[in-house]
PDB file of N, CA and C in Angstrom:
ATOM      1  N   MET A   1       6.191  -4.061   6.598  1.00  0.00           N
ATOM      2  CA  MET A   1       5.451  -3.388   7.633  1.00  0.00           C
ATOM      3  C   MET A   1       6.335  -2.310   8.242  1.00  0.00           C
ATOM      4  N   GLU A   2       5.754  -1.165   8.446  1.00  0.00           N
ATOM      5  CA  GLU A   2       6.497  -0.076   9.063  1.00  0.00           C
ATOM      6  C   GLU A   2       6.234  -0.007  10.567  1.00  0.00           C
ATOM      7  N   GLU A   3       4.941  -0.120  10.974  1.00  0.00           N
ATOM      8  CA  GLU A   3       4.628  -0.122  12.396  1.00  0.00           C
ATOM      9  C   GLU A   3       3.207  -0.624  12.625  1.00  0.00           C
ATOM     10  N   ILE A   4       2.962  -1.170  13.809  1.00  0.00           N
ATOM     11  CA  ILE A   4       1.616  -1.559  14.227  1.00  0.00           C
ATOM     12  C   ILE A   4       0.942  -0.302  14.743  1.00  0.00           C
ATOM     13  N   VAL A   5      -0.250   0.007  14.219  1.00  0.00           N
ATOM     14  CA  VAL A   5      -0.942   1.227  14.618  1.00  0.00           C
ATOM     15  C   VAL A   5      -2.270   0.955  15.321  1.00  0.00           C
ATOM     16  N   GLY A   6      -2.724  -0.288  15.319  1.00  0.00           N
ATOM     17  CA  GLY A   6      -3.978  -0.624  15.973  1.00  0.00           C
ATOM     18  C   GLY A   6      -4.130  -2.122  16.121  1.00  0.00           C
ATOM     19  N   GLU A   7      -5.138  -2.505  16.877  1.00  0.00           N
ATOM     20  CA  GLU A   7      -5.408  -3.926  17.095  1.00  0.00           C
ATOM     21  C   GLU A   7      -6.888  -4.186  16.881  1.00  0.00           C
ATOM     22  N   ILE A   8      -7.200  -5.277  16.207  1.00  0.00           N
ATOM     23  CA  ILE A   8      -8.566  -5.722  15.991  1.00  0.00           C
ATOM     24  C   ILE A   8      -8.772  -6.936  16.889  1.00  0.00           C
ATOM     25  N   SER A   9      -9.977  -7.141  17.372  1.00  0.00           N
ATOM     26  CA  SER A   9     -10.243  -8.243  18.299  1.00  0.00           C
ATOM     27  C   SER A   9      -9.737  -9.578  17.767  1.00  0.00           C
ATOM     28  N   PRO A  10      -9.084 -10.357  18.626  1.00  0.00           N
ATOM     29  CA  PRO A  10      -8.619 -11.691  18.218  1.00  0.00           C
ATOM     30  C   PRO A  10      -9.779 -12.689  18.247  1.00  0.00           C
ATOM     31  N   PHE A  11      -9.550 -13.853  17.668  1.00  0.00           N
ATOM     32  CA  PHE A  11     -10.515 -14.945  17.791  1.00  0.00           C
ATOM     33  C   PHE A  11      -9.783 -16.275  17.775  1.00  0.00           C
ATOM     34  N   GLU A  12     -10.458 -17.306  18.286  1.00  0.00           N
ATOM     35  CA  GLU A  12      -9.898 -18.659  18.292  1.00  0.00           C
ATOM     36  C   GLU A  12     -10.576 -19.493  17.226  1.00  0.00           C
ATOM     37  N   TYR A  13      -9.808 -20.424  16.664  1.00  0.00           N
ATOM     38  CA  TYR A  13     -10.386 -21.397  15.746  1.00  0.00           C
ATOM     39  C   TYR A  13      -9.656 -22.716  15.909  1.00  0.00           C
ATOM     40  N   SER A  14     -10.325 -23.787  15.506  1.00  0.00           N
ATOM     41  CA  SER A  14      -9.752 -25.128  15.620  1.00  0.00           C
ATOM     42  C   SER A  14      -9.657 -25.770  14.254  1.00  0.00           C
ATOM     43  N   VAL A  15      -8.596 -26.560  14.069  1.00  0.00           N
ATOM     44  CA  VAL A  15      -8.375 -27.281  12.822  1.00  0.00           C
ATOM     45  C   VAL A  15      -8.124 -28.739  13.169  1.00  0.00           C
ATOM     46  N   GLU A  16      -8.827 -29.629  12.479  1.00  0.00           N
ATOM     47  CA  GLU A  16      -8.607 -31.068  12.669  1.00  0.00           C
ATOM     48  C   GLU A  16      -7.650 -31.571  11.603  1.00  0.00           C
ATOM     49  N   LYS A  17      -6.752 -32.472  12.012  1.00  0.00           N
ATOM     50  CA  LYS A  17      -5.775 -33.030  11.091  1.00  0.00           C
ATOM     51  C   LYS A  17      -5.754 -34.543  11.278  1.00  0.00           C
ATOM     52  N   MET A  18      -5.756 -35.273  10.171  1.00  0.00           N
ATOM     53  CA  MET A  18      -5.671 -36.738  10.226  1.00  0.00           C
ATOM     54  C   MET A  18      -4.211 -37.139  10.360  1.00  0.00           C
ATOM     55  N   LEU A  19      -3.923 -37.995  11.331  1.00  0.00           N
ATOM     56  CA  LEU A  19      -2.565 -38.478  11.569  1.00  0.00           C
ATOM     57  C   LEU A  19      -2.544 -39.999  11.501  1.00  0.00           C
ATOM     58  N   ALA A  20      -1.428 -40.528  11.051  1.00  0.00           N
ATOM     59  CA  ALA A  20      -1.273 -41.981  11.059  1.00  0.00           C
ATOM     60  C   ALA A  20      -1.134 -42.430  12.509  1.00  0.00           C
ATOM     61  N   ALA A  21      -1.881 -43.462  12.875  1.00  0.00           N
ATOM     62  CA  ALA A  21      -1.804 -43.994  14.240  1.00  0.00           C
ATOM     63  C   ALA A  21      -0.493 -44.742  14.402  1.00  0.00           C
ATOM     64  N   GLY A  22       0.167 -44.526  15.510  1.00  0.00           N
ATOM     65  CA  GLY A  22       1.469 -45.151  15.762  1.00  0.00           C
ATOM     66  C   GLY A  22       1.414 -46.669  15.711  1.00  0.00           C
ATOM     67  N   GLY A  23       2.199 -47.273  14.819  1.00  0.00           N
ATOM     68  CA  GLY A  23       2.338 -48.728  14.751  1.00  0.00           C
ATOM     69  C   GLY A  23       1.167 -49.471  14.138  1.00  0.00           C
ATOM     70  N   SER A  24       0.145 -48.781  13.663  1.00  0.00           N
ATOM     71  CA  SER A  24      -0.978 -49.496  13.047  1.00  0.00           C
ATOM     72  C   SER A  24      -1.280 -48.883  11.682  1.00  0.00           C
ATOM     73  N   THR A  25      -2.208 -49.464  10.997  1.00  0.00           N
ATOM     74  CA  THR A  25      -2.552 -48.960   9.678  1.00  0.00           C
ATOM     75  C   THR A  25      -3.700 -47.949   9.723  1.00  0.00           C
ATOM     76  N   GLY A  26      -4.238 -47.702  10.885  1.00  0.00           N
ATOM     77  CA  GLY A  26      -5.351 -46.766  11.025  1.00  0.00           C
ATOM     78  C   GLY A  26      -4.879 -45.321  11.144  1.00  0.00           C
ATOM     79  N   THR A  27      -5.832 -44.443  11.276  1.00  0.00           N
ATOM     80  CA  THR A  27      -5.521 -43.027  11.467  1.00  0.00           C
ATOM     81  C   THR A  27      -6.225 -42.515  12.717  1.00  0.00           C
ATOM     82  N   THR A  28      -5.759 -41.421  13.199  1.00  0.00           N
ATOM     83  CA  THR A  28      -6.385 -40.751  14.329  1.00  0.00           C
ATOM     84  C   THR A  28      -6.514 -39.263  13.991  1.00  0.00           C
ATOM     85  N   THR A  29      -7.380 -38.592  14.678  1.00  0.00           N
ATOM     86  CA  THR A  29      -7.594 -37.171  14.422  1.00  0.00           C
ATOM     87  C   THR A  29      -7.035 -36.349  15.571  1.00  0.00           C
ATOM     88  N   ALA A  30      -6.277 -35.328  15.234  1.00  0.00           N
ATOM     89  CA  ALA A  30      -5.762 -34.392  16.235  1.00  0.00           C
ATOM     90  C   ALA A  30      -6.405 -33.035  15.965  1.00  0.00           C
ATOM     91  N   THR A  31      -6.802 -32.355  17.027  1.00  0.00           N
ATOM     92  CA  THR A  31      -7.386 -31.031  16.896  1.00  0.00           C
ATOM     93  C   THR A  31      -6.417 -30.006  17.464  1.00  0.00           C
ATOM     94  N   LYS A  32      -6.164 -28.979  16.683  1.00  0.00           N
ATOM     95  CA  LYS A  32      -5.268 -27.898  17.097  1.00  0.00           C
ATOM     96  C   LYS A  32      -6.101 -26.621  17.205  1.00  0.00           C
ATOM     97  N   THR A  33      -6.060 -25.988  18.372  1.00  0.00           N
ATOM     98  CA  THR A  33      -6.762 -24.723  18.572  1.00  0.00           C
ATOM     99  C   THR A  33      -5.742 -23.598  18.530  1.00  0.00           C
ATOM    100  N   THR A  34      -6.077 -22.570  17.775  1.00  0.00           N
ATOM    101  CA  THR A  34      -5.171 -21.440  17.560  1.00  0.00           C
ATOM    102  C   THR A  34      -5.905 -20.145  17.864  1.00  0.00           C
ATOM    103  N   ILE A  35      -5.192 -19.176  18.410  1.00  0.00           N
ATOM    104  CA  ILE A  35      -5.745 -17.842  18.564  1.00  0.00           C
ATOM    105  C   ILE A  35      -5.146 -16.969  17.464  1.00  0.00           C
ATOM    106  N   GLN A  36      -6.009 -16.292  16.749  1.00  0.00           N
ATOM    107  CA  GLN A  36      -5.553 -15.408  15.682  1.00  0.00           C
ATOM    108  C   GLN A  36      -5.549 -13.987  16.215  1.00  0.00           C
ATOM    109  N   LEU A  37      -4.366 -13.384  16.241  1.00  0.00           N
ATOM    110  CA  LEU A  37      -4.218 -11.990  16.640  1.00  0.00           C
ATOM    111  C   LEU A  37      -4.281 -11.143  15.380  1.00  0.00           C
ATOM    112  N   ASN A  38      -4.973 -10.021  15.444  1.00  0.00           N
ATOM    113  CA  ASN A  38      -5.201  -9.192  14.259  1.00  0.00           C
ATOM    114  C   ASN A  38      -4.752  -7.767  14.529  1.00  0.00           C
ATOM    115  N   PHE A  39      -3.915  -7.252  13.649  1.00  0.00           N
ATOM    116  CA  PHE A  39      -3.348  -5.918  13.824  1.00  0.00           C
ATOM    117  C   PHE A  39      -3.578  -5.063  12.592  1.00  0.00           C
ATOM    118  N   VAL A  40      -3.660  -3.777  12.814  1.00  0.00           N
ATOM    119  CA  VAL A  40      -3.658  -2.798  11.733  1.00  0.00           C
ATOM    120  C   VAL A  40      -2.228  -2.296  11.658  1.00  0.00           C
ATOM    121  N   VAL A  41      -1.654  -2.341  10.471  1.00  0.00           N
ATOM    122  CA  VAL A  41      -0.265  -1.910  10.319  1.00  0.00           C
ATOM    123  C   VAL A  41      -0.170  -0.836   9.256  1.00  0.00           C
ATOM    124  N   ARG A  42       0.840  -0.004   9.414  1.00  0.00           N
ATOM    125  CA  ARG A  42       1.174   0.966   8.379  1.00  0.00           C
ATOM    126  C   ARG A  42       2.327   0.356   7.596  1.00  0.00           C
ATOM    127  N   VAL A  43       2.220   0.402   6.285  1.00  0.00           N
ATOM    128  CA  VAL A  43       3.283  -0.148   5.449  1.00  0.00           C
ATOM    129  C   VAL A  43       4.027   0.976   4.770  1.00  0.00           C
ATOM    130  N   ALA A  44       5.291   0.753   4.551  1.00  0.00           N
ATOM    131  CA  ALA A  44       6.117   1.732   3.855  1.00  0.00           C
ATOM    132  C   ALA A  44       6.065   1.414   2.366  1.00  0.00           C
ATOM    133  N   PRO A  45       5.736   2.394   1.541  1.00  0.00           N
ATOM    134  CA  PRO A  45       5.723   2.140   0.096  1.00  0.00           C
ATOM    135  C   PRO A  45       7.108   1.697  -0.381  1.00  0.00           C
ATOM    136  N   ALA A  46       7.133   0.658  -1.187  1.00  0.00           N
ATOM    137  CA  ALA A  46       8.404   0.134  -1.666  1.00  0.00           C
ATOM    138  C   ALA A  46       8.876   0.859  -2.926  1.00  0.00           C
ATOM    139  N   VAL A  47       7.942   1.374  -3.693  1.00  0.00           N
ATOM    140  CA  VAL A  47       8.308   1.972  -4.972  1.00  0.00           C
ATOM    141  C   VAL A  47       8.006   3.473  -4.989  1.00  0.00           C
ATOM    142  N   SER A  48       6.808   3.839  -4.587  1.00  0.00           N
ATOM    143  CA  SER A  48       6.416   5.251  -4.548  1.00  0.00           C
ATOM    144  C   SER A  48       5.343   5.412  -3.486  1.00  0.00           C
ATOM    145  N   ALA A  49       4.835   6.598  -3.325  1.00  0.00           N
ATOM    146  CA  ALA A  49       3.814   6.865  -2.308  1.00  0.00           C
ATOM    147  C   ALA A  49       2.528   6.096  -2.579  1.00  0.00           C
ATOM    148  N   HIS A  50       2.313   5.621  -3.794  1.00  0.00           N
ATOM    149  CA  HIS A  50       1.058   4.958  -4.140  1.00  0.00           C
ATOM    150  C   HIS A  50       1.228   3.486  -4.514  1.00  0.00           C
ATOM    151  N   VAL A  51       2.426   2.953  -4.387  1.00  0.00           N
ATOM    152  CA  VAL A  51       2.662   1.553  -4.738  1.00  0.00           C
ATOM    153  C   VAL A  51       3.279   0.837  -3.540  1.00  0.00           C
ATOM    154  N   VAL A  52       2.578  -0.181  -3.071  1.00  0.00           N
ATOM    155  CA  VAL A  52       3.079  -0.982  -1.956  1.00  0.00           C
ATOM    156  C   VAL A  52       3.365  -2.377  -2.489  1.00  0.00           C
ATOM    157  N   GLU A  53       4.574  -2.831  -2.313  1.00  0.00           N
ATOM    158  CA  GLU A  53       4.967  -4.162  -2.748  1.00  0.00           C
ATOM    159  C   GLU A  53       4.674  -5.147  -1.623  1.00  0.00           C
ATOM    160  N   VAL A  54       3.955  -6.211  -1.921  1.00  0.00           N
ATOM    161  CA  VAL A  54       3.579  -7.205  -0.921  1.00  0.00           C
ATOM    162  C   VAL A  54       4.380  -8.471  -1.155  1.00  0.00           C
ATOM    163  N   THR A  55       5.014  -8.974  -0.090  1.00  0.00           N
ATOM    164  CA  THR A  55       5.737 -10.239  -0.155  1.00  0.00           C
ATOM    165  C   THR A  55       5.078 -11.189   0.838  1.00  0.00           C
ATOM    166  N   LEU A  56       4.608 -12.328   0.354  1.00  0.00           N
ATOM    167  CA  LEU A  56       3.932 -13.299   1.204  1.00  0.00           C
ATOM    168  C   LEU A  56       4.891 -14.398   1.638  1.00  0.00           C
ATOM    169  N   ASN A  57       4.656 -14.920   2.821  1.00  0.00           N
ATOM    170  CA  ASN A  57       5.374 -16.092   3.296  1.00  0.00           C
ATOM    171  C   ASN A  57       4.585 -17.306   2.800  1.00  0.00           C
ATOM    172  N   PRO A  58       5.119 -18.098   1.881  1.00  0.00           N
ATOM    173  CA  PRO A  58       4.361 -19.215   1.315  1.00  0.00           C
ATOM    174  C   PRO A  58       4.014 -20.298   2.343  1.00  0.00           C
ATOM    175  N   GLN A  59       4.681 -20.297   3.479  1.00  0.00           N
ATOM    176  CA  GLN A  59       4.359 -21.255   4.547  1.00  0.00           C
ATOM    177  C   GLN A  59       3.075 -20.844   5.281  1.00  0.00           C
ATOM    178  N   GLU A  60       2.699 -19.560   5.165  1.00  0.00           N
ATOM    179  CA  GLU A  60       1.557 -19.052   5.929  1.00  0.00           C
ATOM    180  C   GLU A  60       0.426 -18.491   5.081  1.00  0.00           C
ATOM    181  N   HIS A  61       0.720 -18.014   3.873  1.00  0.00           N
ATOM    182  CA  HIS A  61      -0.283 -17.309   3.084  1.00  0.00           C
ATOM    183  C   HIS A  61      -0.346 -17.834   1.662  1.00  0.00           C
ATOM    184  N   GLN A  62      -1.551 -17.754   1.083  1.00  0.00           N
ATOM    185  CA  GLN A  62      -1.732 -18.189  -0.293  1.00  0.00           C
ATOM    186  C   GLN A  62      -1.882 -17.020  -1.253  1.00  0.00           C
ATOM    187  N   ASP A  63      -2.482 -15.935  -0.773  1.00  0.00           N
ATOM    188  CA  ASP A  63      -2.771 -14.819  -1.667  1.00  0.00           C
ATOM    189  C   ASP A  63      -3.116 -13.595  -0.830  1.00  0.00           C
ATOM    190  N   TYR A  64      -3.254 -12.462  -1.455  1.00  0.00           N
ATOM    191  CA  TYR A  64      -3.711 -11.248  -0.788  1.00  0.00           C
ATOM    192  C   TYR A  64      -4.548 -10.447  -1.778  1.00  0.00           C
ATOM    193  N   ALA A  65      -5.314  -9.502  -1.261  1.00  0.00           N
ATOM    194  CA  ALA A  65      -6.105  -8.617  -2.110  1.00  0.00           C
ATOM    195  C   ALA A  65      -6.339  -7.310  -1.369  1.00  0.00           C
ATOM    196  N   TRP A  66      -6.322  -6.213  -2.088  1.00  0.00           N
ATOM    197  CA  TRP A  66      -6.736  -4.921  -1.544  1.00  0.00           C
ATOM    198  C   TRP A  66      -8.214  -4.814  -1.882  1.00  0.00           C
ATOM    199  N   ILE A  67      -9.065  -4.679  -0.874  1.00  0.00           N
ATOM    200  CA  ILE A  67     -10.510  -4.681  -1.124  1.00  0.00           C
ATOM    201  C   ILE A  67     -11.190  -3.499  -0.438  1.00  0.00           C
ATOM    202  N   SER A  68     -12.411  -3.244  -0.859  1.00  0.00           N
ATOM    203  CA  SER A  68     -13.273  -2.271  -0.197  1.00  0.00           C
ATOM    204  C   SER A  68     -14.369  -3.048   0.534  1.00  0.00           C
ATOM    205  N   ARG A  69     -15.142  -2.351   1.344  1.00  0.00           N
ATOM    206  CA  ARG A  69     -16.270  -3.011   2.031  1.00  0.00           C
ATOM    207  C   ARG A  69     -17.182  -3.709   1.030  1.00  0.00           C
ATOM    208  N   ASN A  70     -17.399  -3.086  -0.115  1.00  0.00           N
ATOM    209  CA  ASN A  70     -18.313  -3.649  -1.118  1.00  0.00           C
ATOM    210  C   ASN A  70     -17.805  -4.946  -1.720  1.00  0.00           C
ATOM    211  N   ASP A  71     -16.513  -5.206  -1.645  1.00  0.00           N
ATOM    212  CA  ASP A  71     -15.925  -6.424  -2.217  1.00  0.00           C
ATOM    213  C   ASP A  71     -16.036  -7.632  -1.294  1.00  0.00           C
ATOM    214  N   LEU A  72     -16.282  -7.407  -0.024  1.00  0.00           N
ATOM    215  CA  LEU A  72     -16.154  -8.455   0.996  1.00  0.00           C
ATOM    216  C   LEU A  72     -16.998  -9.696   0.701  1.00  0.00           C
ATOM    217  N   GLU A  73     -18.194  -9.529   0.230  1.00  0.00           N
ATOM    218  CA  GLU A  73     -19.081 -10.677  -0.011  1.00  0.00           C
ATOM    219  C   GLU A  73     -18.620 -11.560  -1.168  1.00  0.00           C
ATOM    220  N   ARG A  74     -17.703 -11.085  -1.974  1.00  0.00           N
ATOM    221  CA  ARG A  74     -17.193 -11.890  -3.098  1.00  0.00           C
ATOM    222  C   ARG A  74     -16.230 -12.973  -2.652  1.00  0.00           C
ATOM    223  N   TYR A  75     -15.760 -12.906  -1.403  1.00  0.00           N
ATOM    224  CA  TYR A  75     -14.732 -13.824  -0.923  1.00  0.00           C
ATOM    225  C   TYR A  75     -15.330 -14.929  -0.057  1.00  0.00           C
ATOM    226  N   ASN A  76     -14.837 -16.134  -0.258  1.00  0.00           N
ATOM    227  CA  ASN A  76     -15.287 -17.295   0.500  1.00  0.00           C
ATOM    228  C   ASN A  76     -14.443 -17.401   1.782  1.00  0.00           C
ATOM    229  N   ILE A  77     -14.862 -16.657   2.809  1.00  0.00           N
ATOM    230  CA  ILE A  77     -14.144 -16.647   4.076  1.00  0.00           C
ATOM    231  C   ILE A  77     -15.135 -16.852   5.218  1.00  0.00           C
ATOM    232  N   THR A  78     -14.625 -17.215   6.373  1.00  0.00           N
ATOM    233  CA  THR A  78     -15.492 -17.486   7.518  1.00  0.00           C
ATOM    234  C   THR A  78     -16.156 -16.208   8.015  1.00  0.00           C
ATOM    235  N   GLU A  79     -17.240 -16.381   8.746  1.00  0.00           N
ATOM    236  CA  GLU A  79     -17.924 -15.233   9.345  1.00  0.00           C
ATOM    237  C   GLU A  79     -17.005 -14.524  10.338  1.00  0.00           C
ATOM    238  N   GLN A  80     -16.182 -15.287  11.053  1.00  0.00           N
ATOM    239  CA  GLN A  80     -15.237 -14.664  11.986  1.00  0.00           C
ATOM    240  C   GLN A  80     -14.264 -13.753  11.245  1.00  0.00           C
ATOM    241  N   MET A  81     -13.746 -14.211  10.115  1.00  0.00           N
ATOM    242  CA  MET A  81     -12.797 -13.404   9.353  1.00  0.00           C
ATOM    243  C   MET A  81     -13.495 -12.189   8.744  1.00  0.00           C
ATOM    244  N   LYS A  82     -14.733 -12.350   8.286  1.00  0.00           N
ATOM    245  CA  LYS A  82     -15.494 -11.202   7.792  1.00  0.00           C
ATOM    246  C   LYS A  82     -15.648 -10.159   8.899  1.00  0.00           C
ATOM    247  N   GLY A  83     -15.863 -10.631  10.130  1.00  0.00           N
ATOM    248  CA  GLY A  83     -15.975  -9.716  11.266  1.00  0.00           C
ATOM    249  C   GLY A  83     -14.681  -8.954  11.505  1.00  0.00           C
ATOM    250  N   VAL A  84     -13.556  -9.637  11.394  1.00  0.00           N
ATOM    251  CA  VAL A  84     -12.248  -8.990  11.561  1.00  0.00           C
ATOM    252  C   VAL A  84     -12.062  -7.907  10.504  1.00  0.00           C
ATOM    253  N   ILE A  85     -12.373  -8.231   9.267  1.00  0.00           N
ATOM    254  CA  ILE A  85     -12.193  -7.271   8.176  1.00  0.00           C
ATOM    255  C   ILE A  85     -13.144  -6.093   8.342  1.00  0.00           C
ATOM    256  N   THR A  86     -14.383  -6.365   8.716  1.00  0.00           N
ATOM    257  CA  THR A  86     -15.351  -5.288   8.956  1.00  0.00           C
ATOM    258  C   THR A  86     -14.874  -4.390  10.088  1.00  0.00           C
ATOM    259  N   ASP A  87     -14.347  -4.985  11.164  1.00  0.00           N
ATOM    260  CA  ASP A  87     -13.793  -4.201  12.275  1.00  0.00           C
ATOM    261  C   ASP A  87     -12.609  -3.353  11.804  1.00  0.00           C
ATOM    262  N   ALA A  88     -11.792  -3.893  10.906  1.00  0.00           N
ATOM    263  CA  ALA A  88     -10.649  -3.148  10.382  1.00  0.00           C
ATOM    264  C   ALA A  88     -11.124  -1.953   9.550  1.00  0.00           C
ATOM    265  N   PHE A  89     -12.165  -2.138   8.742  1.00  0.00           N
ATOM    266  CA  PHE A  89     -12.721  -1.009   7.991  1.00  0.00           C
ATOM    267  C   PHE A  89     -13.246   0.067   8.942  1.00  0.00           C
ATOM    268  N   SER A  90     -13.933  -0.346  10.001  1.00  0.00           N
ATOM    269  CA  SER A  90     -14.452   0.613  10.984  1.00  0.00           C
ATOM    270  C   SER A  90     -13.307   1.354  11.665  1.00  0.00           C
ATOM    271  N   TRP A  91     -12.245   0.617  12.028  1.00  0.00           N
ATOM    272  CA  TRP A  91     -11.077   1.245  12.653  1.00  0.00           C
ATOM    273  C   TRP A  91     -10.495   2.295  11.707  1.00  0.00           C
ATOM    274  N   ALA A  92     -10.375   1.932  10.435  1.00  0.00           N
ATOM    275  CA  ALA A  92      -9.786   2.846   9.448  1.00  0.00           C
ATOM    276  C   ALA A  92     -10.633   4.102   9.286  1.00  0.00           C
ATOM    277  N   GLU A  93     -11.946   3.946   9.248  1.00  0.00           N
ATOM    278  CA  GLU A  93     -12.823   5.107   9.086  1.00  0.00           C
ATOM    279  C   GLU A  93     -12.649   6.098  10.239  1.00  0.00           C
ATOM    280  N   LYS A  94     -12.420   5.584  11.443  1.00  0.00           N
ATOM    281  CA  LYS A  94     -12.260   6.445  12.621  1.00  0.00           C
ATOM    282  C   LYS A  94     -10.868   7.058  12.714  1.00  0.00           C
ATOM    283  N   ASN A  95      -9.861   6.400  12.152  1.00  0.00           N
ATOM    284  CA  ASN A  95      -8.467   6.800  12.371  1.00  0.00           C
ATOM    285  C   ASN A  95      -7.690   7.196  11.131  1.00  0.00           C
ATOM    286  N   ILE A  96      -8.276   7.117   9.966  1.00  0.00           N
ATOM    287  CA  ILE A  96      -7.523   7.285   8.722  1.00  0.00           C
ATOM    288  C   ILE A  96      -6.870   8.654   8.580  1.00  0.00           C
ATOM    289  N   SER A  97      -7.454   9.686   9.151  1.00  0.00           N
ATOM    290  CA  SER A  97      -6.884  11.026   8.972  1.00  0.00           C
ATOM    291  C   SER A  97      -5.468  11.132   9.544  1.00  0.00           C
ATOM    292  N   ALA A  98      -5.156  10.307  10.527  1.00  0.00           N
ATOM    293  CA  ALA A  98      -3.815  10.330  11.111  1.00  0.00           C
ATOM    294  C   ALA A  98      -2.776   9.676  10.197  1.00  0.00           C
ATOM    295  N   PHE A  99      -3.210   9.006   9.137  1.00  0.00           N
ATOM    296  CA  PHE A  99      -2.293   8.238   8.296  1.00  0.00           C
ATOM    297  C   PHE A  99      -2.392   8.601   6.824  1.00  0.00           C
ATOM    298  N   GLN A 100      -2.813   9.800   6.513  1.00  0.00           N
ATOM    299  CA  GLN A 100      -2.932  10.213   5.118  1.00  0.00           C
ATOM    300  C   GLN A 100      -1.565  10.189   4.449  1.00  0.00           C
ATOM    301  N   ILE A 101      -1.530   9.713   3.238  1.00  0.00           N
ATOM    302  CA  ILE A 101      -0.291   9.633   2.464  1.00  0.00           C
ATOM    303  C   ILE A 101       0.029  11.016   1.923  1.00  0.00           C
ATOM    304  N   THR A 102       1.268  11.414   2.087  1.00  0.00           N
ATOM    305  CA  THR A 102       1.729  12.654   1.482  1.00  0.00           C
ATOM    306  C   THR A 102       2.684  12.306   0.364  1.00  0.00           C
ATOM    307  N   ALA A 103       2.706  13.133  -0.635  1.00  0.00           N
ATOM    308  CA  ALA A 103       3.575  12.862  -1.800  1.00  0.00           C
ATOM    309  C   ALA A 103       5.031  12.863  -1.380  1.00  0.00           C
ATOM    310  N   ILE A 104       5.783  11.902  -1.913  1.00  0.00           N
ATOM    311  CA  ILE A 104       7.214  11.820  -1.676  1.00  0.00           C
ATOM    312  C   ILE A 104       7.892  12.442  -2.889  1.00  0.00           C
ATOM    313  N   GLU A 105       8.624  13.477  -2.660  1.00  0.00           N
ATOM    314  CA  GLU A 105       9.299  14.185  -3.766  1.00  0.00           C
ATOM    315  C   GLU A 105      10.645  13.568  -4.013  1.00  0.00           C
TER     316      GLU A 105
END
């Protein structure tokens, strides 16, 4: 990442996790609520002006994809996440001229 250039609306979500109950053979459920902050970032090309190398943190991410609006329905993601991505496309359409790639000689 080179710099944060915009922010997309955050959202909250909850995840339930089964835990072993202390001292017994049963289990209990714990719910964790998280707020997801969403940013638009500019990345620095690692190889050339048209190639961006992506490195994922395996503790946090499973995969990535560069997609267009038309690709969005192919992915099995929550409606909240679809909203974030749609908002990011809208942000890009309004602001992309400020971030046009120029050839690196």
